[in-house]
Structure formats: C-alpha cells, structure tokens
Amino acid sequence: MSGRVVDARGLEPPEPFERAMEGLMALAKDEEMLLILDRMPHPLLRILDRDGYGHTEAFRDDGAVEIRIRQR
C-alpha cells in the first residue's frame, strides 16, 4: 500500500483541518494517508467515521498524534 504524509504540526486552526481534507480528496483507493498533528482532531475523526474512512490513532514519543487514514 502506498501512502502520503500530511504534517500539519505547528499550524493554526483551521489550516490543519483544511490540509487533512485536501489530502483526503487526493487519496487514491489503494493509498494510506499519515496525518501528523499537535493534538487529537476529534471533529475530523467524526467526519472520517461518517464518510466511511478507516483510521487508527497513535501518540508519538514527542507528543504528536499520528492518524493513519484509508478508504474502506
């Protein structure tokens, strides 16, 4: 599975959300997107669930959040 990385750390809202949505729009069916953020994006997670994306979340040692997103 190929993938893309969207690193949205250090950005002010709503830019992290906008970058995540742009990444999702460009995501092919066989791709996975790694989204790296400063905090857990609860509104985005609800949208992913609503729109049928699979996702897993993990906290990195540096405190950042990694979210792996894929189409179901």
C-alpha atoms as a PDB file:
ATOM      1  CA  MET A   1       0.000   0.000   0.000  1.00  0.00           C
ATOM      2  CA  SER A   2       1.441   3.361  -0.975  1.00  0.00           C
ATOM      3  CA  GLY A   3       0.856   6.479   1.041  1.00  0.00           C
ATOM      4  CA  ARG A   4       1.180  10.167   1.540  1.00  0.00           C
ATOM      5  CA  VAL A   5       2.166  12.207   4.581  1.00  0.00           C
ATOM      6  CA  VAL A   6       0.430  15.377   5.733  1.00  0.00           C
ATOM      7  CA  ASP A   7       2.399  17.054   8.512  1.00  0.00           C
ATOM      8  CA  ALA A   8       0.170  19.776   9.950  1.00  0.00           C
ATOM      9  CA  ARG A   9       2.022  20.382  13.212  1.00  0.00           C
ATOM     10  CA  GLY A  10       2.536  23.962  14.287  1.00  0.00           C
ATOM     11  CA  LEU A  11      -0.312  25.350  12.178  1.00  0.00           C
ATOM     12  CA  GLU A  12      -3.188  27.455  13.485  1.00  0.00           C
ATOM     13  CA  PRO A  13      -6.790  26.267  13.040  1.00  0.00           C
ATOM     14  CA  PRO A  14      -8.416  25.741  10.621  1.00  0.00           C
ATOM     15  CA  GLU A  15      -5.322  25.038   8.499  1.00  0.00           C
ATOM     16  CA  PRO A  16      -4.612  21.522   9.900  1.00  0.00           C
ATOM     17  CA  PHE A  17      -8.223  20.511   9.147  1.00  0.00           C
ATOM     18  CA  GLU A  18      -8.054  22.052   5.670  1.00  0.00           C
ATOM     19  CA  ARG A  19      -4.801  20.242   4.861  1.00  0.00           C
ATOM     20  CA  ALA A  20      -6.269  16.969   6.097  1.00  0.00           C
ATOM     21  CA  MET A  21      -9.337  17.394   3.902  1.00  0.00           C
ATOM     22  CA  GLU A  22      -7.183  18.269   0.866  1.00  0.00           C
ATOM     23  CA  GLY A  23      -5.151  15.122   1.490  1.00  0.00           C
ATOM     24  CA  LEU A  24      -8.302  13.016   1.707  1.00  0.00           C
ATOM     25  CA  MET A  25      -9.606  14.399  -1.588  1.00  0.00           C
ATOM     26  CA  ALA A  26      -6.343  13.370  -3.288  1.00  0.00           C
ATOM     27  CA  LEU A  27      -6.238   9.927  -1.636  1.00  0.00           C
ATOM     28  CA  ALA A  28      -6.473   7.025  -4.087  1.00  0.00           C
ATOM     29  CA  LYS A  29      -8.277   3.820  -3.110  1.00  0.00           C
ATOM     30  CA  ASP A  30      -5.031   1.922  -2.604  1.00  0.00           C
ATOM     31  CA  GLU A  31      -3.300   4.701  -0.644  1.00  0.00           C
ATOM     32  CA  GLU A  32      -2.994   5.417   3.044  1.00  0.00           C
ATOM     33  CA  MET A  33      -2.536   8.894   4.437  1.00  0.00           C
ATOM     34  CA  LEU A  34      -0.437   9.576   7.510  1.00  0.00           C
ATOM     35  CA  LEU A  35      -1.634  12.742   9.214  1.00  0.00           C
ATOM     36  CA  ILE A  36       0.634  14.212  11.895  1.00  0.00           C
ATOM     37  CA  LEU A  37      -0.877  16.771  14.273  1.00  0.00           C
ATOM     38  CA  ASP A  38      -0.197  18.506  17.561  1.00  0.00           C
ATOM     39  CA  ARG A  39      -3.430  17.248  19.141  1.00  0.00           C
ATOM     40  CA  MET A  40      -6.200  14.708  18.620  1.00  0.00           C
ATOM     41  CA  PRO A  41      -8.635  16.084  15.975  1.00  0.00           C
ATOM     42  CA  HIS A  42     -11.965  14.836  17.346  1.00  0.00           C
ATOM     43  CA  PRO A  43     -14.135  16.692  14.768  1.00  0.00           C
ATOM     44  CA  LEU A  44     -12.065  15.183  11.936  1.00  0.00           C
ATOM     45  CA  LEU A  45     -12.400  11.690  13.415  1.00  0.00           C
ATOM     46  CA  ARG A  46     -16.201  12.056  13.425  1.00  0.00           C
ATOM     47  CA  ILE A  47     -16.107  13.096   9.758  1.00  0.00           C
ATOM     48  CA  LEU A  48     -13.897  10.131   8.882  1.00  0.00           C
ATOM     49  CA  ASP A  49     -16.351   7.757  10.596  1.00  0.00           C
ATOM     50  CA  ARG A  50     -19.327   9.401   8.904  1.00  0.00           C
ATOM     51  CA  ASP A  51     -17.728   9.243   5.457  1.00  0.00           C
ATOM     52  CA  GLY A  52     -16.543   5.634   5.739  1.00  0.00           C
ATOM     53  CA  TYR A  53     -12.800   6.043   6.195  1.00  0.00           C
ATOM     54  CA  GLY A  54     -10.866   3.618   8.353  1.00  0.00           C
ATOM     55  CA  HIS A  55      -8.389   5.193  10.747  1.00  0.00           C
ATOM     56  CA  THR A  56      -6.046   4.397  13.599  1.00  0.00           C
ATOM     57  CA  GLU A  57      -4.536   6.857  16.051  1.00  0.00           C
ATOM     58  CA  ALA A  58      -1.290   6.756  18.000  1.00  0.00           C
ATOM     59  CA  PHE A  59       0.667   9.166  20.161  1.00  0.00           C
ATOM     60  CA  ARG A  60       4.326   9.629  19.312  1.00  0.00           C
ATOM     61  CA  ASP A  61       7.076   9.976  21.904  1.00  0.00           C
ATOM     62  CA  ASP A  62       7.353  13.685  21.054  1.00  0.00           C
ATOM     63  CA  GLY A  63       3.657  14.219  21.925  1.00  0.00           C
ATOM     64  CA  ALA A  64       2.413  14.494  18.352  1.00  0.00           C
ATOM     65  CA  VAL A  65      -0.560  12.465  17.132  1.00  0.00           C
ATOM     66  CA  GLU A  66      -0.308  10.167  14.112  1.00  0.00           C
ATOM     67  CA  ILE A  67      -3.503   9.227  12.322  1.00  0.00           C
ATOM     68  CA  ARG A  68      -3.397   6.651   9.544  1.00  0.00           C
ATOM     69  CA  ILE A  69      -6.376   7.013   7.216  1.00  0.00           C
ATOM     70  CA  ARG A  70      -7.555   4.736   4.428  1.00  0.00           C
ATOM     71  CA  GLN A  71     -10.703   4.162   2.429  1.00  0.00           C
ATOM     72  CA  ARG A  72     -12.747   1.160   3.481  1.00  0.00           C
END
